[in-house]
Amino acid sequence: MYSLETTPLEVSKALAEKHRTLRKQLKMSQEEMAERSGVSLGSLKRFENTGKISLDSLLKLMHLLGRLKEFNNILLPMENLDHIKKLFTE
């Protein structure tokens, strides 16, 4: 299936790459990050290699990185766009 939209796999791999970059900027080893975040080393390695991670573990990692607030901007309710639709139908 071809799509112009990004796929879940592409998004998860991009998140993993961004995470790895942040971890390295902090000069933190995978072992240290796993210990400090409460995420198992295996889960952290799998995430950085494949992009696969549980939501709970991802939130723990983001908390350690001081980036947990970024999740406040996802899954926001959709705006009611009826007033805009009327502009194109009248």
C-alpha atoms as a PDB file:
ATOM      1  CA  MET A   1       0.000   0.000   0.000  1.00  0.00           C
ATOM      2  CA  TYR A   2       1.382   3.374  -1.019  1.00  0.00           C
ATOM      3  CA  SER A   3       0.567   6.560   0.825  1.00  0.00           C
ATOM      4  CA  LEU A   4       1.831  10.095   1.101  1.00  0.00           C
ATOM      5  CA  GLU A   5       1.129   9.961   4.834  1.00  0.00           C
ATOM      6  CA  THR A   6       3.879   8.791   7.140  1.00  0.00           C
ATOM      7  CA  THR A   7       3.368   5.314   8.502  1.00  0.00           C
ATOM      8  CA  PRO A   8       3.377   4.324  12.173  1.00  0.00           C
ATOM      9  CA  LEU A   9       6.671   2.505  11.582  1.00  0.00           C
ATOM     10  CA  GLU A  10       8.269   5.612  10.097  1.00  0.00           C
ATOM     11  CA  VAL A  11       7.082   7.736  13.018  1.00  0.00           C
ATOM     12  CA  SER A  12       8.344   5.248  15.607  1.00  0.00           C
ATOM     13  CA  LYS A  13      11.747   4.981  13.910  1.00  0.00           C
ATOM     14  CA  ALA A  14      12.035   8.777  13.747  1.00  0.00           C
ATOM     15  CA  LEU A  15      11.160   9.037  17.457  1.00  0.00           C
ATOM     16  CA  ALA A  16      13.788   6.432  18.258  1.00  0.00           C
ATOM     17  CA  GLU A  17      16.426   8.328  16.297  1.00  0.00           C
ATOM     18  CA  LYS A  18      15.527  11.612  18.017  1.00  0.00           C
ATOM     19  CA  HIS A  19      15.692   9.874  21.383  1.00  0.00           C
ATOM     20  CA  ARG A  20      19.107   8.368  20.630  1.00  0.00           C
ATOM     21  CA  THR A  21      20.387  11.803  19.596  1.00  0.00           C
ATOM     22  CA  LEU A  22      19.122  13.399  22.832  1.00  0.00           C
ATOM     23  CA  ARG A  23      20.621  10.604  24.934  1.00  0.00           C
ATOM     24  CA  LYS A  24      23.987  11.047  23.267  1.00  0.00           C
ATOM     25  CA  GLN A  25      23.864  14.836  23.646  1.00  0.00           C
ATOM     26  CA  LEU A  26      23.465  14.238  27.369  1.00  0.00           C
ATOM     27  CA  LYS A  27      26.478  11.886  27.217  1.00  0.00           C
ATOM     28  CA  MET A  28      24.375   9.170  28.821  1.00  0.00           C
ATOM     29  CA  SER A  29      24.944   5.501  28.083  1.00  0.00           C
ATOM     30  CA  GLN A  30      22.045   3.183  27.379  1.00  0.00           C
ATOM     31  CA  GLU A  31      22.790   1.443  30.668  1.00  0.00           C
ATOM     32  CA  GLU A  32      22.662   4.683  32.645  1.00  0.00           C
ATOM     33  CA  MET A  33      19.477   5.842  30.937  1.00  0.00           C
ATOM     34  CA  ALA A  34      17.783   2.503  31.549  1.00  0.00           C
ATOM     35  CA  GLU A  35      18.727   2.537  35.219  1.00  0.00           C
ATOM     36  CA  ARG A  36      17.711   6.162  35.809  1.00  0.00           C
ATOM     37  CA  SER A  37      14.406   5.894  33.911  1.00  0.00           C
ATOM     38  CA  GLY A  38      13.260   2.516  35.219  1.00  0.00           C
ATOM     39  CA  VAL A  39      13.056   1.130  31.676  1.00  0.00           C
ATOM     40  CA  SER A  40      14.792  -2.184  31.121  1.00  0.00           C
ATOM     41  CA  LEU A  41      18.005  -2.074  29.120  1.00  0.00           C
ATOM     42  CA  GLY A  42      16.510  -4.541  26.632  1.00  0.00           C
ATOM     43  CA  SER A  43      13.489  -2.294  26.051  1.00  0.00           C
ATOM     44  CA  LEU A  44      15.706   0.742  25.576  1.00  0.00           C
ATOM     45  CA  LYS A  45      17.971  -1.066  23.104  1.00  0.00           C
ATOM     46  CA  ARG A  46      14.951  -2.409  21.183  1.00  0.00           C
ATOM     47  CA  PHE A  47      13.470   1.090  21.019  1.00  0.00           C
ATOM     48  CA  GLU A  48      16.643   2.680  19.702  1.00  0.00           C
ATOM     49  CA  ASN A  49      17.121  -0.101  17.134  1.00  0.00           C
ATOM     50  CA  THR A  50      13.552  -0.680  15.937  1.00  0.00           C
ATOM     51  CA  GLY A  51      11.361   2.125  17.259  1.00  0.00           C
ATOM     52  CA  LYS A  52       9.233  -0.365  19.214  1.00  0.00           C
ATOM     53  CA  ILE A  53       8.482   0.515  22.852  1.00  0.00           C
ATOM     54  CA  SER A  54       5.544   0.471  25.223  1.00  0.00           C
ATOM     55  CA  LEU A  55       3.832   3.771  25.904  1.00  0.00           C
ATOM     56  CA  ASP A  56       4.650   3.450  29.609  1.00  0.00           C
ATOM     57  CA  SER A  57       8.367   3.039  28.866  1.00  0.00           C
ATOM     58  CA  LEU A  58       8.362   5.887  26.354  1.00  0.00           C
ATOM     59  CA  LEU A  59       6.769   8.192  28.907  1.00  0.00           C
ATOM     60  CA  LYS A  60       9.398   7.220  31.493  1.00  0.00           C
ATOM     61  CA  LEU A  61      12.193   8.026  29.044  1.00  0.00           C
ATOM     62  CA  MET A  62      10.625  11.365  28.125  1.00  0.00           C
ATOM     63  CA  HIS A  63      10.234  12.203  31.818  1.00  0.00           C
ATOM     64  CA  LEU A  64      13.937  11.566  32.384  1.00  0.00           C
ATOM     65  CA  LEU A  65      14.761  13.805  29.410  1.00  0.00           C
ATOM     66  CA  GLY A  66      12.506  16.576  30.717  1.00  0.00           C
ATOM     67  CA  ARG A  67      10.322  16.326  27.605  1.00  0.00           C
ATOM     68  CA  LEU A  68       7.135  14.810  29.040  1.00  0.00           C
ATOM     69  CA  LYS A  69       5.167  18.042  28.536  1.00  0.00           C
ATOM     70  CA  GLU A  70       5.458  17.585  24.769  1.00  0.00           C
ATOM     71  CA  PHE A  71       2.808  14.876  25.043  1.00  0.00           C
ATOM     72  CA  ASN A  72       0.260  17.532  26.070  1.00  0.00           C
ATOM     73  CA  ASN A  73       0.009  18.554  22.414  1.00  0.00           C
ATOM     74  CA  ILE A  74      -1.072  15.225  20.957  1.00  0.00           C
ATOM     75  CA  LEU A  75      -4.591  13.852  20.630  1.00  0.00           C
ATOM     76  CA  LEU A  76      -6.202  17.230  21.209  1.00  0.00           C
ATOM     77  CA  PRO A  77      -9.931  17.428  20.444  1.00  0.00           C
ATOM     78  CA  MET A  78     -10.742  18.415  16.896  1.00  0.00           C
ATOM     79  CA  GLU A  79     -12.050  21.903  16.305  1.00  0.00           C
ATOM     80  CA  ASN A  80     -15.570  22.320  15.018  1.00  0.00           C
ATOM     81  CA  LEU A  81     -14.978  23.409  11.418  1.00  0.00           C
ATOM     82  CA  ASP A  82     -18.643  23.720  10.408  1.00  0.00           C
ATOM     83  CA  HIS A  83     -18.330  27.499  10.053  1.00  0.00           C
ATOM     84  CA  ILE A  84     -15.498  27.036   7.547  1.00  0.00           C
ATOM     85  CA  LYS A  85     -17.407  24.370   5.591  1.00  0.00           C
ATOM     86  CA  LYS A  86     -20.273  26.836   5.170  1.00  0.00           C
ATOM     87  CA  LEU A  87     -17.943  29.240   3.396  1.00  0.00           C
ATOM     88  CA  PHE A  88     -17.442  26.686   0.623  1.00  0.00           C
ATOM     89  CA  THR A  89     -21.023  25.429   0.363  1.00  0.00           C
ATOM     90  CA  GLU A  90     -23.001  28.681   0.281  1.00  0.00           C
END
